[in-house]
Amino acid sequence: MDRMSETAPARPRPRAFWSDVRFLVGVGLIVVSIAGVWVVVAAARQTVPVFAASRTIVPGEIVTSGDLQVVEVALGRIEDAYASPASFEPGSVALRTVTAGELVPRTAIGAAEQARTTTVVVTSATALPAAVGAGTTVEVWAAPQIERGVFDVPRILVASATVVSVDDEASVMGSAGRAVELVIERADVADTLAAVAAGASMSIVPTAGIAR
């Protein structure tokens, strides 16, 4: 028995498990996975300062610092699409309506020469719906005056206008209507002023897409 034990081949020692290639590859995959999750989470938490509107801003208005507030938002790759303290230029005007609390797109403000609108004041001969306020998109209807107190069939004078403000006072120059300041395209100014001068009966009608 002793001689047989002496001649039996020695068994190889088991390899340490950390020297196994499959173990090392597995550990590497776990590390990469954890690192990827960390990068995604870190990117999601990264915020940038951009502007939000402090109040409803209508087209043609000069945008000042008082109209904007800085908010920290996680935007990722689209951060350049919004106005920020770094991109804002003094003297910019609103090119479209920006509602209160909305993040301000860079395309919504620009140089004054880019604005193609102006403001006019129209007295509405009819009662204004409660929904009409600053930022509301409306139509302006006009009924030409045939003779004193007699008016023709109303027609759309301005297909799309934006309300700047509504005068809470009941009359302007003795009229029973309410004065509404509107932003309209410059191309509509001549017809609007002509209708006002001719004594047409004007009505403010909200469109289907009310912006408030």
N, C-alpha and C. Protein backbone atom coordinates (compact mmCIF):
# COMPACT_ATOMS: atom_id res chain seq x y z
N MET A 1 0.83 -1.20 0.00
CA MET A 1 0.00 0.00 0.00
C MET A 1 0.86 1.24 0.00
N ASP A 2 1.93 1.21 0.77
CA ASP A 2 2.78 2.39 0.84
C ASP A 2 3.46 2.62 -0.49
N ARG A 3 3.87 1.52 -1.18
CA ARG A 3 4.56 1.68 -2.45
C ARG A 3 3.61 2.22 -3.51
N MET A 4 2.36 1.76 -3.48
CA MET A 4 1.36 2.25 -4.44
C MET A 4 1.10 3.73 -4.22
N SER A 5 1.06 4.16 -2.98
CA SER A 5 0.82 5.58 -2.69
C SER A 5 1.96 6.42 -3.19
N GLU A 6 3.17 5.88 -3.13
CA GLU A 6 4.31 6.67 -3.56
C GLU A 6 4.33 6.84 -5.07
N THR A 7 3.81 5.82 -5.81
CA THR A 7 3.87 5.89 -7.28
C THR A 7 2.66 6.55 -7.90
N ALA A 8 1.57 6.84 -7.15
CA ALA A 8 0.35 7.46 -7.71
C ALA A 8 0.66 8.89 -8.13
N PRO A 9 0.15 9.28 -9.35
CA PRO A 9 0.43 10.65 -9.83
C PRO A 9 -0.23 11.71 -8.94
N ALA A 10 0.43 12.82 -8.78
CA ALA A 10 -0.12 13.91 -7.95
C ALA A 10 -1.24 14.62 -8.70
N ARG A 11 -2.33 14.92 -8.00
CA ARG A 11 -3.46 15.63 -8.60
C ARG A 11 -3.12 17.12 -8.75
N PRO A 12 -3.49 17.73 -9.93
CA PRO A 12 -3.18 19.16 -10.11
C PRO A 12 -4.01 20.01 -9.16
N ARG A 13 -3.41 21.04 -8.67
CA ARG A 13 -4.12 21.96 -7.77
C ARG A 13 -5.17 22.74 -8.56
N PRO A 14 -6.37 22.93 -8.02
CA PRO A 14 -7.41 23.69 -8.74
C PRO A 14 -6.97 25.14 -8.94
N ARG A 15 -7.33 25.71 -10.11
CA ARG A 15 -6.98 27.09 -10.40
C ARG A 15 -7.85 28.04 -9.59
N ALA A 16 -7.26 29.12 -9.18
CA ALA A 16 -8.04 30.13 -8.45
C ALA A 16 -9.14 30.65 -9.36
N PHE A 17 -10.35 30.85 -8.80
CA PHE A 17 -11.48 31.23 -9.64
C PHE A 17 -11.27 32.60 -10.28
N TRP A 18 -10.47 33.48 -9.64
CA TRP A 18 -10.29 34.82 -10.21
C TRP A 18 -9.35 34.82 -11.43
N SER A 19 -8.71 33.68 -11.67
CA SER A 19 -7.86 33.59 -12.86
C SER A 19 -8.63 33.05 -14.06
N ASP A 20 -9.91 32.68 -13.85
CA ASP A 20 -10.73 32.19 -14.94
C ASP A 20 -11.13 33.36 -15.85
N VAL A 21 -10.92 33.23 -17.17
CA VAL A 21 -11.23 34.31 -18.12
C VAL A 21 -12.69 34.68 -18.07
N ARG A 22 -13.57 33.69 -17.93
CA ARG A 22 -14.99 33.98 -17.90
C ARG A 22 -15.36 34.82 -16.69
N PHE A 23 -14.71 34.57 -15.58
CA PHE A 23 -14.97 35.37 -14.38
C PHE A 23 -14.57 36.82 -14.60
N LEU A 24 -13.39 37.01 -15.21
CA LEU A 24 -12.91 38.37 -15.45
C LEU A 24 -13.80 39.12 -16.43
N VAL A 25 -14.26 38.41 -17.47
CA VAL A 25 -15.17 39.04 -18.43
C VAL A 25 -16.47 39.44 -17.75
N GLY A 26 -16.99 38.59 -16.88
CA GLY A 26 -18.23 38.88 -16.16
C GLY A 26 -18.09 40.11 -15.28
N VAL A 27 -16.97 40.18 -14.57
CA VAL A 27 -16.72 41.35 -13.72
C VAL A 27 -16.64 42.62 -14.57
N GLY A 28 -15.97 42.52 -15.72
CA GLY A 28 -15.85 43.68 -16.61
C GLY A 28 -17.20 44.17 -17.09
N LEU A 29 -18.09 43.23 -17.45
CA LEU A 29 -19.42 43.60 -17.91
C LEU A 29 -20.22 44.29 -16.81
N ILE A 30 -20.08 43.82 -15.59
CA ILE A 30 -20.79 44.44 -14.46
C ILE A 30 -20.30 45.87 -14.25
N VAL A 31 -18.98 46.05 -14.31
CA VAL A 31 -18.41 47.39 -14.12
C VAL A 31 -18.90 48.34 -15.21
N VAL A 32 -18.88 47.86 -16.47
CA VAL A 32 -19.35 48.70 -17.58
C VAL A 32 -20.82 49.06 -17.42
N SER A 33 -21.63 48.10 -17.00
CA SER A 33 -23.06 48.35 -16.81
C SER A 33 -23.30 49.40 -15.73
N ILE A 34 -22.60 49.28 -14.62
CA ILE A 34 -22.76 50.25 -13.52
C ILE A 34 -22.32 51.63 -13.98
N ALA A 35 -21.22 51.69 -14.71
CA ALA A 35 -20.72 52.98 -15.21
C ALA A 35 -21.73 53.61 -16.16
N GLY A 36 -22.36 52.80 -17.02
CA GLY A 36 -23.35 53.32 -17.96
C GLY A 36 -24.55 53.89 -17.24
N VAL A 37 -25.04 53.18 -16.23
CA VAL A 37 -26.17 53.67 -15.44
C VAL A 37 -25.81 54.98 -14.75
N TRP A 38 -24.61 55.05 -14.22
CA TRP A 38 -24.17 56.27 -13.53
C TRP A 38 -24.14 57.45 -14.48
N VAL A 39 -23.65 57.22 -15.71
CA VAL A 39 -23.59 58.31 -16.69
C VAL A 39 -25.00 58.78 -17.04
N VAL A 40 -25.93 57.85 -17.25
CA VAL A 40 -27.30 58.23 -17.59
C VAL A 40 -27.95 59.02 -16.47
N VAL A 41 -27.78 58.55 -15.23
CA VAL A 41 -28.37 59.24 -14.08
C VAL A 41 -27.75 60.62 -13.92
N ALA A 42 -26.43 60.72 -14.08
CA ALA A 42 -25.76 62.01 -13.94
C ALA A 42 -26.23 62.98 -15.00
N ALA A 43 -26.43 62.49 -16.24
CA ALA A 43 -26.90 63.37 -17.31
C ALA A 43 -28.32 63.84 -17.05
N ALA A 44 -29.16 62.95 -16.49
CA ALA A 44 -30.54 63.32 -16.21
C ALA A 44 -30.63 64.37 -15.11
N ARG A 45 -29.65 64.38 -14.22
CA ARG A 45 -29.67 65.34 -13.12
C ARG A 45 -29.03 66.67 -13.49
N GLN A 46 -28.35 66.74 -14.62
CA GLN A 46 -27.66 67.96 -15.01
C GLN A 46 -28.66 68.97 -15.54
N THR A 47 -28.72 70.14 -14.95
CA THR A 47 -29.66 71.16 -15.36
C THR A 47 -28.92 72.36 -15.94
N VAL A 48 -29.65 73.16 -16.71
CA VAL A 48 -29.08 74.38 -17.30
C VAL A 48 -30.06 75.52 -17.04
N PRO A 49 -29.56 76.76 -16.95
CA PRO A 49 -30.46 77.90 -16.73
C PRO A 49 -31.06 78.38 -18.05
N VAL A 50 -32.38 78.44 -18.12
CA VAL A 50 -33.08 78.97 -19.28
C VAL A 50 -34.18 79.91 -18.79
N PHE A 51 -34.79 80.63 -19.74
CA PHE A 51 -35.83 81.59 -19.38
C PHE A 51 -37.22 80.96 -19.46
N ALA A 52 -38.07 81.35 -18.50
CA ALA A 52 -39.50 81.09 -18.57
C ALA A 52 -40.20 82.44 -18.50
N ALA A 53 -41.36 82.54 -19.12
CA ALA A 53 -42.09 83.81 -19.14
C ALA A 53 -42.73 84.08 -17.78
N SER A 54 -42.49 85.27 -17.24
CA SER A 54 -43.10 85.65 -15.96
C SER A 54 -44.56 86.02 -16.14
N ARG A 55 -44.92 86.40 -17.36
CA ARG A 55 -46.30 86.75 -17.69
C ARG A 55 -46.53 86.39 -19.15
N THR A 56 -47.76 86.50 -19.61
CA THR A 56 -48.02 86.24 -21.02
C THR A 56 -47.45 87.37 -21.86
N ILE A 57 -46.60 87.02 -22.83
CA ILE A 57 -45.95 87.98 -23.71
C ILE A 57 -46.56 87.80 -25.10
N VAL A 58 -46.97 88.91 -25.70
CA VAL A 58 -47.63 88.83 -27.00
C VAL A 58 -46.71 89.34 -28.09
N PRO A 59 -46.97 88.96 -29.35
CA PRO A 59 -46.09 89.36 -30.46
C PRO A 59 -45.93 90.87 -30.55
N GLY A 60 -44.71 91.30 -30.83
CA GLY A 60 -44.42 92.72 -31.00
C GLY A 60 -43.98 93.43 -29.74
N GLU A 61 -44.19 92.82 -28.58
CA GLU A 61 -43.78 93.45 -27.34
C GLU A 61 -42.27 93.38 -27.16
N ILE A 62 -41.69 94.44 -26.63
CA ILE A 62 -40.27 94.41 -26.26
C ILE A 62 -40.15 93.55 -25.00
N VAL A 63 -39.25 92.61 -25.04
CA VAL A 63 -39.07 91.68 -23.92
C VAL A 63 -37.98 92.22 -23.01
N THR A 64 -38.31 92.43 -21.74
CA THR A 64 -37.36 92.93 -20.76
C THR A 64 -37.07 91.87 -19.72
N SER A 65 -36.10 92.15 -18.87
CA SER A 65 -35.73 91.19 -17.82
C SER A 65 -36.89 90.93 -16.86
N GLY A 66 -37.77 91.93 -16.71
CA GLY A 66 -38.91 91.74 -15.83
C GLY A 66 -39.94 90.77 -16.37
N ASP A 67 -39.89 90.50 -17.68
CA ASP A 67 -40.83 89.56 -18.30
C ASP A 67 -40.35 88.12 -18.22
N LEU A 68 -39.10 87.94 -17.76
CA LEU A 68 -38.49 86.62 -17.77
C LEU A 68 -38.00 86.23 -16.39
N GLN A 69 -37.98 84.94 -16.14
CA GLN A 69 -37.38 84.42 -14.92
C GLN A 69 -36.50 83.24 -15.28
N VAL A 70 -35.39 83.11 -14.57
CA VAL A 70 -34.45 82.03 -14.84
C VAL A 70 -34.88 80.79 -14.08
N VAL A 71 -34.97 79.67 -14.78
CA VAL A 71 -35.30 78.39 -14.15
C VAL A 71 -34.23 77.37 -14.54
N GLU A 72 -33.97 76.45 -13.64
CA GLU A 72 -33.01 75.37 -13.91
C GLU A 72 -33.78 74.15 -14.39
N VAL A 73 -33.48 73.70 -15.60
CA VAL A 73 -34.23 72.60 -16.21
C VAL A 73 -33.25 71.61 -16.85
N ALA A 74 -33.56 70.33 -16.74
CA ALA A 74 -32.77 69.30 -17.41
C ALA A 74 -33.32 69.13 -18.83
N LEU A 75 -32.58 69.62 -19.82
CA LEU A 75 -33.06 69.60 -21.20
C LEU A 75 -32.24 68.67 -22.10
N GLY A 76 -31.07 68.30 -21.67
CA GLY A 76 -30.23 67.42 -22.49
C GLY A 76 -29.81 68.08 -23.78
N ARG A 77 -30.01 67.38 -24.88
CA ARG A 77 -29.52 67.86 -26.18
C ARG A 77 -30.31 69.04 -26.72
N ILE A 78 -31.50 69.32 -26.18
CA ILE A 78 -32.33 70.39 -26.75
C ILE A 78 -32.17 71.71 -26.01
N GLU A 79 -31.16 71.82 -25.14
CA GLU A 79 -31.01 73.04 -24.36
C GLU A 79 -30.79 74.27 -25.24
N ASP A 80 -30.18 74.10 -26.41
CA ASP A 80 -29.92 75.23 -27.29
C ASP A 80 -31.19 75.76 -27.95
N ALA A 81 -32.31 75.04 -27.81
CA ALA A 81 -33.56 75.47 -28.43
C ALA A 81 -34.26 76.54 -27.60
N TYR A 82 -33.77 76.81 -26.38
CA TYR A 82 -34.46 77.75 -25.49
C TYR A 82 -33.57 78.93 -25.14
N ALA A 83 -34.22 80.08 -24.96
CA ALA A 83 -33.51 81.30 -24.62
C ALA A 83 -32.93 81.18 -23.22
N SER A 84 -31.74 81.73 -23.04
CA SER A 84 -31.04 81.66 -21.77
C SER A 84 -30.36 82.99 -21.50
N PRO A 85 -29.88 83.20 -20.28
CA PRO A 85 -29.15 84.45 -20.00
C PRO A 85 -27.96 84.66 -20.95
N ALA A 86 -27.37 83.59 -21.42
CA ALA A 86 -26.21 83.72 -22.31
C ALA A 86 -26.61 84.12 -23.72
N SER A 87 -27.82 83.75 -24.15
CA SER A 87 -28.23 84.01 -25.54
C SER A 87 -29.11 85.24 -25.69
N PHE A 88 -29.65 85.76 -24.58
CA PHE A 88 -30.61 86.87 -24.68
C PHE A 88 -29.91 88.18 -25.03
N GLU A 89 -30.53 88.92 -25.95
CA GLU A 89 -30.01 90.22 -26.36
C GLU A 89 -31.01 91.31 -25.99
N PRO A 90 -30.58 92.34 -25.26
CA PRO A 90 -31.48 93.44 -24.90
C PRO A 90 -32.13 94.06 -26.13
N GLY A 91 -33.38 94.47 -25.99
CA GLY A 91 -34.10 95.06 -27.11
C GLY A 91 -34.84 94.05 -27.96
N SER A 92 -34.77 92.78 -27.59
CA SER A 92 -35.47 91.75 -28.35
C SER A 92 -36.98 91.93 -28.22
N VAL A 93 -37.71 91.50 -29.23
CA VAL A 93 -39.17 91.56 -29.20
C VAL A 93 -39.73 90.15 -29.35
N ALA A 94 -40.96 89.99 -28.89
CA ALA A 94 -41.63 88.70 -29.02
C ALA A 94 -42.11 88.53 -30.46
N LEU A 95 -41.83 87.38 -31.04
CA LEU A 95 -42.25 87.08 -32.41
C LEU A 95 -43.51 86.23 -32.42
N ARG A 96 -43.86 85.69 -31.27
CA ARG A 96 -45.11 84.94 -31.12
C ARG A 96 -45.53 85.00 -29.67
N THR A 97 -46.72 84.53 -29.37
CA THR A 97 -47.20 84.54 -28.00
C THR A 97 -46.46 83.51 -27.15
N VAL A 98 -46.03 83.94 -25.97
CA VAL A 98 -45.42 83.03 -24.99
C VAL A 98 -46.25 83.16 -23.73
N THR A 99 -46.88 82.09 -23.31
CA THR A 99 -47.77 82.15 -22.16
C THR A 99 -46.99 82.15 -20.85
N ALA A 100 -47.60 82.67 -19.81
CA ALA A 100 -46.96 82.74 -18.51
C ALA A 100 -46.53 81.35 -18.04
N GLY A 101 -45.28 81.24 -17.60
CA GLY A 101 -44.74 79.97 -17.13
C GLY A 101 -44.13 79.10 -18.20
N GLU A 102 -44.34 79.44 -19.47
CA GLU A 102 -43.80 78.64 -20.57
C GLU A 102 -42.30 78.91 -20.73
N LEU A 103 -41.53 77.86 -21.00
CA LEU A 103 -40.13 78.05 -21.37
C LEU A 103 -40.09 78.83 -22.68
N VAL A 104 -39.16 79.76 -22.78
CA VAL A 104 -39.12 80.66 -23.94
C VAL A 104 -38.24 80.07 -25.04
N PRO A 105 -38.83 79.64 -26.16
CA PRO A 105 -38.01 79.16 -27.27
C PRO A 105 -37.19 80.30 -27.86
N ARG A 106 -36.01 80.00 -28.33
CA ARG A 106 -35.17 81.04 -28.93
C ARG A 106 -35.84 81.63 -30.17
N THR A 107 -36.67 80.83 -30.84
CA THR A 107 -37.34 81.33 -32.05
C THR A 107 -38.52 82.24 -31.72
N ALA A 108 -38.90 82.33 -30.43
CA ALA A 108 -40.05 83.16 -30.05
C ALA A 108 -39.67 84.61 -29.82
N ILE A 109 -38.38 84.90 -29.74
CA ILE A 109 -37.93 86.28 -29.56
C ILE A 109 -36.84 86.57 -30.57
N GLY A 110 -36.75 87.86 -30.96
CA GLY A 110 -35.73 88.22 -31.94
C GLY A 110 -35.58 89.72 -32.03
N ALA A 111 -34.83 90.15 -33.01
CA ALA A 111 -34.59 91.58 -33.21
C ALA A 111 -35.88 92.26 -33.66
N ALA A 112 -35.99 93.56 -33.36
CA ALA A 112 -37.20 94.31 -33.66
C ALA A 112 -37.55 94.28 -35.14
N GLU A 113 -36.53 94.28 -36.01
CA GLU A 113 -36.80 94.29 -37.45
C GLU A 113 -37.42 92.99 -37.94
N GLN A 114 -37.38 91.94 -37.11
CA GLN A 114 -38.00 90.69 -37.50
C GLN A 114 -39.51 90.70 -37.28
N ALA A 115 -39.99 91.63 -36.45
CA ALA A 115 -41.41 91.68 -36.14
C ALA A 115 -42.20 92.20 -37.33
N ARG A 116 -43.27 91.51 -37.68
CA ARG A 116 -44.12 91.92 -38.79
C ARG A 116 -45.51 92.33 -38.30
N THR A 117 -45.58 92.69 -37.03
CA THR A 117 -46.87 93.02 -36.43
C THR A 117 -46.83 94.40 -35.80
N THR A 118 -48.01 94.89 -35.47
CA THR A 118 -48.13 96.14 -34.73
C THR A 118 -49.41 96.06 -33.90
N THR A 119 -49.65 97.05 -33.07
CA THR A 119 -50.83 97.02 -32.21
C THR A 119 -51.83 98.09 -32.61
N VAL A 120 -53.10 97.76 -32.47
CA VAL A 120 -54.19 98.71 -32.69
C VAL A 120 -55.20 98.52 -31.57
N VAL A 121 -56.03 99.52 -31.38
CA VAL A 121 -57.10 99.43 -30.38
C VAL A 121 -58.43 99.41 -31.11
N VAL A 122 -59.24 98.39 -30.82
CA VAL A 122 -60.54 98.23 -31.45
C VAL A 122 -61.60 98.19 -30.35
N THR A 123 -62.71 98.88 -30.59
CA THR A 123 -63.81 98.85 -29.64
C THR A 123 -64.82 97.81 -30.08
N SER A 124 -65.04 96.81 -29.26
CA SER A 124 -65.96 95.74 -29.60
C SER A 124 -67.40 96.19 -29.32
N ALA A 125 -68.24 96.06 -30.33
CA ALA A 125 -69.64 96.45 -30.18
C ALA A 125 -70.44 95.37 -29.47
N THR A 126 -69.87 94.17 -29.37
CA THR A 126 -70.58 93.07 -28.71
C THR A 126 -69.85 92.71 -27.43
N ALA A 127 -70.55 92.02 -26.55
CA ALA A 127 -69.96 91.59 -25.29
C ALA A 127 -68.80 90.63 -25.55
N LEU A 128 -67.76 90.75 -24.75
CA LEU A 128 -66.59 89.87 -24.91
C LEU A 128 -66.78 88.61 -24.09
N PRO A 129 -66.49 87.45 -24.67
CA PRO A 129 -66.53 86.21 -23.88
C PRO A 129 -65.55 86.26 -22.72
N ALA A 130 -65.84 85.55 -21.65
CA ALA A 130 -64.97 85.55 -20.48
C ALA A 130 -63.59 85.00 -20.79
N ALA A 131 -63.48 84.18 -21.85
CA ALA A 131 -62.19 83.56 -22.19
C ALA A 131 -61.21 84.54 -22.81
N VAL A 132 -61.70 85.70 -23.22
CA VAL A 132 -60.83 86.65 -23.92
C VAL A 132 -59.98 87.41 -22.91
N GLY A 133 -58.67 87.30 -23.06
CA GLY A 133 -57.73 87.98 -22.18
C GLY A 133 -56.39 88.07 -22.87
N ALA A 134 -55.39 88.56 -22.17
CA ALA A 134 -54.05 88.70 -22.76
C ALA A 134 -53.56 87.37 -23.32
N GLY A 135 -53.15 87.39 -24.57
CA GLY A 135 -52.65 86.18 -25.22
C GLY A 135 -53.68 85.40 -25.99
N THR A 136 -54.96 85.77 -25.87
CA THR A 136 -56.00 85.05 -26.60
C THR A 136 -55.92 85.35 -28.09
N THR A 137 -56.06 84.33 -28.91
CA THR A 137 -56.11 84.51 -30.36
C THR A 137 -57.57 84.72 -30.77
N VAL A 138 -57.82 85.80 -31.51
CA VAL A 138 -59.19 86.16 -31.87
C VAL A 138 -59.29 86.51 -33.35
N GLU A 139 -60.54 86.56 -33.82
CA GLU A 139 -60.86 87.12 -35.12
C GLU A 139 -61.51 88.48 -34.90
N VAL A 140 -61.33 89.39 -35.84
CA VAL A 140 -62.01 90.68 -35.80
C VAL A 140 -63.02 90.71 -36.94
N TRP A 141 -64.29 90.87 -36.57
CA TRP A 141 -65.37 90.96 -37.55
C TRP A 141 -65.80 92.41 -37.66
N ALA A 142 -66.19 92.82 -38.86
CA ALA A 142 -66.64 94.21 -39.06
C ALA A 142 -67.91 94.21 -39.90
N ALA A 143 -68.89 94.98 -39.44
CA ALA A 143 -70.13 95.19 -40.20
C ALA A 143 -70.12 96.63 -40.69
N PRO A 144 -69.90 96.85 -41.99
CA PRO A 144 -69.85 98.23 -42.51
C PRO A 144 -71.14 98.99 -42.22
N GLN A 145 -70.99 100.27 -41.91
CA GLN A 145 -72.15 101.11 -41.63
C GLN A 145 -72.74 101.63 -42.94
N ILE A 146 -74.02 101.31 -43.17
CA ILE A 146 -74.71 101.76 -44.38
C ILE A 146 -75.21 103.19 -44.19
N GLU A 147 -75.83 103.42 -43.09
CA GLU A 147 -76.26 104.74 -42.68
C GLU A 147 -76.29 104.74 -41.16
N ARG A 148 -76.53 105.86 -40.58
CA ARG A 148 -76.43 105.96 -39.12
C ARG A 148 -77.33 104.92 -38.45
N GLY A 149 -76.70 104.03 -37.69
CA GLY A 149 -77.43 103.00 -36.95
C GLY A 149 -77.81 101.79 -37.77
N VAL A 150 -77.47 101.79 -39.07
CA VAL A 150 -77.81 100.65 -39.93
C VAL A 150 -76.50 100.06 -40.47
N PHE A 151 -76.36 98.74 -40.31
CA PHE A 151 -75.09 98.11 -40.67
C PHE A 151 -75.30 96.96 -41.63
N ASP A 152 -74.33 96.72 -42.46
CA ASP A 152 -74.35 95.63 -43.42
C ASP A 152 -74.02 94.32 -42.70
N VAL A 153 -73.97 93.24 -43.47
CA VAL A 153 -73.65 91.92 -42.91
C VAL A 153 -72.19 91.91 -42.45
N PRO A 154 -71.92 91.38 -41.25
CA PRO A 154 -70.53 91.33 -40.77
C PRO A 154 -69.67 90.41 -41.63
N ARG A 155 -68.40 90.72 -41.71
CA ARG A 155 -67.43 89.87 -42.40
C ARG A 155 -66.13 89.88 -41.59
N ILE A 156 -65.32 88.88 -41.84
CA ILE A 156 -64.04 88.82 -41.13
C ILE A 156 -63.12 89.90 -41.68
N LEU A 157 -62.65 90.76 -40.80
CA LEU A 157 -61.73 91.82 -41.17
C LEU A 157 -60.28 91.37 -40.95
N VAL A 158 -60.04 90.77 -39.78
CA VAL A 158 -58.71 90.24 -39.44
C VAL A 158 -58.90 88.79 -39.00
N ALA A 159 -58.29 87.88 -39.73
CA ALA A 159 -58.51 86.46 -39.46
C ALA A 159 -57.81 85.97 -38.20
N SER A 160 -56.71 86.63 -37.83
CA SER A 160 -55.98 86.19 -36.64
C SER A 160 -55.31 87.39 -35.99
N ALA A 161 -55.70 87.66 -34.76
CA ALA A 161 -55.11 88.74 -33.97
C ALA A 161 -54.88 88.21 -32.56
N THR A 162 -53.98 88.85 -31.83
CA THR A 162 -53.68 88.44 -30.46
C THR A 162 -54.02 89.58 -29.51
N VAL A 163 -54.74 89.25 -28.46
CA VAL A 163 -55.15 90.26 -27.48
C VAL A 163 -53.97 90.64 -26.60
N VAL A 164 -53.71 91.95 -26.51
CA VAL A 164 -52.70 92.46 -25.58
C VAL A 164 -53.35 92.74 -24.24
N SER A 165 -54.47 93.46 -24.28
CA SER A 165 -55.18 93.80 -23.04
C SER A 165 -56.61 94.17 -23.38
N VAL A 166 -57.45 94.08 -22.36
CA VAL A 166 -58.85 94.47 -22.48
C VAL A 166 -59.11 95.58 -21.48
N ASP A 167 -59.62 96.70 -21.97
CA ASP A 167 -59.92 97.83 -21.10
C ASP A 167 -61.14 97.48 -20.25
N ASP A 168 -60.97 97.55 -18.94
CA ASP A 168 -62.08 97.24 -18.05
C ASP A 168 -63.15 98.32 -18.05
N GLU A 169 -62.80 99.51 -18.52
CA GLU A 169 -63.80 100.56 -18.60
C GLU A 169 -64.80 100.22 -19.69
N ALA A 170 -66.03 100.66 -19.52
CA ALA A 170 -67.11 100.24 -20.42
C ALA A 170 -67.14 101.00 -21.73
N SER A 171 -66.48 102.15 -21.82
CA SER A 171 -66.66 102.92 -23.04
C SER A 171 -65.40 103.66 -23.44
N VAL A 172 -65.31 103.96 -24.72
CA VAL A 172 -64.25 104.78 -25.28
C VAL A 172 -64.92 105.81 -26.19
N MET A 173 -64.74 107.09 -25.90
CA MET A 173 -65.34 108.17 -26.68
C MET A 173 -66.85 107.99 -26.80
N GLY A 174 -67.46 107.60 -25.72
CA GLY A 174 -68.90 107.50 -25.70
C GLY A 174 -69.45 106.19 -26.22
N SER A 175 -68.62 105.30 -26.70
CA SER A 175 -69.09 104.02 -27.22
C SER A 175 -69.50 103.11 -26.08
N ALA A 176 -70.46 102.24 -26.37
CA ALA A 176 -70.93 101.32 -25.33
C ALA A 176 -70.07 100.07 -25.24
N GLY A 177 -69.12 99.86 -26.16
CA GLY A 177 -68.31 98.66 -26.18
C GLY A 177 -67.09 98.77 -25.28
N ARG A 178 -66.25 97.74 -25.36
CA ARG A 178 -65.01 97.70 -24.58
C ARG A 178 -63.83 97.77 -25.52
N ALA A 179 -62.85 98.55 -25.14
CA ALA A 179 -61.66 98.72 -25.98
C ALA A 179 -60.73 97.52 -25.78
N VAL A 180 -60.28 96.97 -26.89
CA VAL A 180 -59.39 95.82 -26.87
C VAL A 180 -58.13 96.18 -27.66
N GLU A 181 -56.98 96.06 -27.02
CA GLU A 181 -55.71 96.29 -27.73
C GLU A 181 -55.30 94.97 -28.37
N LEU A 182 -55.03 95.03 -29.67
CA LEU A 182 -54.74 93.83 -30.44
C LEU A 182 -53.41 93.93 -31.15
N VAL A 183 -52.77 92.79 -31.32
CA VAL A 183 -51.60 92.68 -32.19
C VAL A 183 -52.09 92.10 -33.50
N ILE A 184 -51.83 92.82 -34.61
CA ILE A 184 -52.24 92.34 -35.92
C ILE A 184 -51.07 92.45 -36.89
N GLU A 185 -51.18 91.74 -38.00
CA GLU A 185 -50.17 91.84 -39.05
C GLU A 185 -50.22 93.24 -39.66
N ARG A 186 -49.05 93.74 -40.03
CA ARG A 186 -49.00 95.07 -40.63
C ARG A 186 -49.85 95.15 -41.90
N ALA A 187 -49.99 94.05 -42.60
CA ALA A 187 -50.79 94.03 -43.82
C ALA A 187 -52.27 94.29 -43.55
N ASP A 188 -52.71 94.07 -42.30
CA ASP A 188 -54.12 94.27 -41.95
C ASP A 188 -54.40 95.65 -41.37
N VAL A 189 -53.36 96.45 -41.16
CA VAL A 189 -53.54 97.73 -40.48
C VAL A 189 -54.42 98.68 -41.27
N ALA A 190 -54.17 98.84 -42.56
CA ALA A 190 -54.91 99.81 -43.36
C ALA A 190 -56.41 99.52 -43.35
N ASP A 191 -56.80 98.27 -43.59
CA ASP A 191 -58.22 97.92 -43.61
C ASP A 191 -58.86 98.12 -42.24
N THR A 192 -58.11 97.80 -41.18
CA THR A 192 -58.65 97.95 -39.82
C THR A 192 -58.90 99.42 -39.50
N LEU A 193 -57.93 100.26 -39.79
CA LEU A 193 -58.10 101.69 -39.50
C LEU A 193 -59.20 102.30 -40.36
N ALA A 194 -59.33 101.83 -41.59
CA ALA A 194 -60.39 102.34 -42.46
C ALA A 194 -61.77 101.96 -41.92
N ALA A 195 -61.89 100.73 -41.42
CA ALA A 195 -63.17 100.29 -40.86
C ALA A 195 -63.52 101.09 -39.61
N VAL A 196 -62.51 101.34 -38.76
CA VAL A 196 -62.76 102.14 -37.55
C VAL A 196 -63.18 103.56 -37.94
N ALA A 197 -62.50 104.16 -38.89
CA ALA A 197 -62.81 105.53 -39.31
C ALA A 197 -64.19 105.63 -39.94
N ALA A 198 -64.64 104.56 -40.62
CA ALA A 198 -65.95 104.57 -41.28
C ALA A 198 -67.09 104.23 -40.34
N GLY A 199 -66.78 103.97 -39.08
CA GLY A 199 -67.83 103.69 -38.11
C GLY A 199 -68.39 102.29 -38.18
N ALA A 200 -67.63 101.34 -38.71
CA ALA A 200 -68.09 99.95 -38.78
C ALA A 200 -68.31 99.39 -37.38
N SER A 201 -69.24 98.48 -37.27
CA SER A 201 -69.49 97.80 -36.00
C SER A 201 -68.51 96.64 -35.89
N MET A 202 -67.62 96.69 -34.91
CA MET A 202 -66.56 95.70 -34.78
C MET A 202 -66.88 94.70 -33.67
N SER A 203 -66.53 93.45 -33.92
CA SER A 203 -66.75 92.40 -32.92
C SER A 203 -65.49 91.57 -32.79
N ILE A 204 -65.18 91.20 -31.54
CA ILE A 204 -64.01 90.36 -31.24
C ILE A 204 -64.51 88.95 -30.95
N VAL A 205 -64.05 87.98 -31.72
CA VAL A 205 -64.53 86.62 -31.59
C VAL A 205 -63.35 85.67 -31.36
N PRO A 206 -63.32 84.92 -30.25
CA PRO A 206 -62.22 83.97 -30.02
C PRO A 206 -62.19 82.90 -31.11
N THR A 207 -60.99 82.52 -31.51
CA THR A 207 -60.86 81.42 -32.47
C THR A 207 -60.89 80.10 -31.71
N ALA A 208 -60.85 79.00 -32.48
CA ALA A 208 -60.94 77.68 -31.85
C ALA A 208 -59.73 77.42 -30.96
N GLY A 209 -58.53 77.87 -31.38
CA GLY A 209 -57.31 77.63 -30.61
C GLY A 209 -57.01 78.78 -29.67
N ILE A 210 -57.66 78.82 -28.53
CA ILE A 210 -57.49 79.92 -27.60
C ILE A 210 -56.18 79.74 -26.86
N ALA A 211 -55.34 80.77 -26.86
CA ALA A 211 -54.08 80.76 -26.11
C ALA A 211 -54.24 81.64 -24.91
N ARG A 212 -53.97 81.05 -23.73
CA ARG A 212 -54.16 81.85 -22.51
C ARG A 212 -52.92 81.79 -21.67
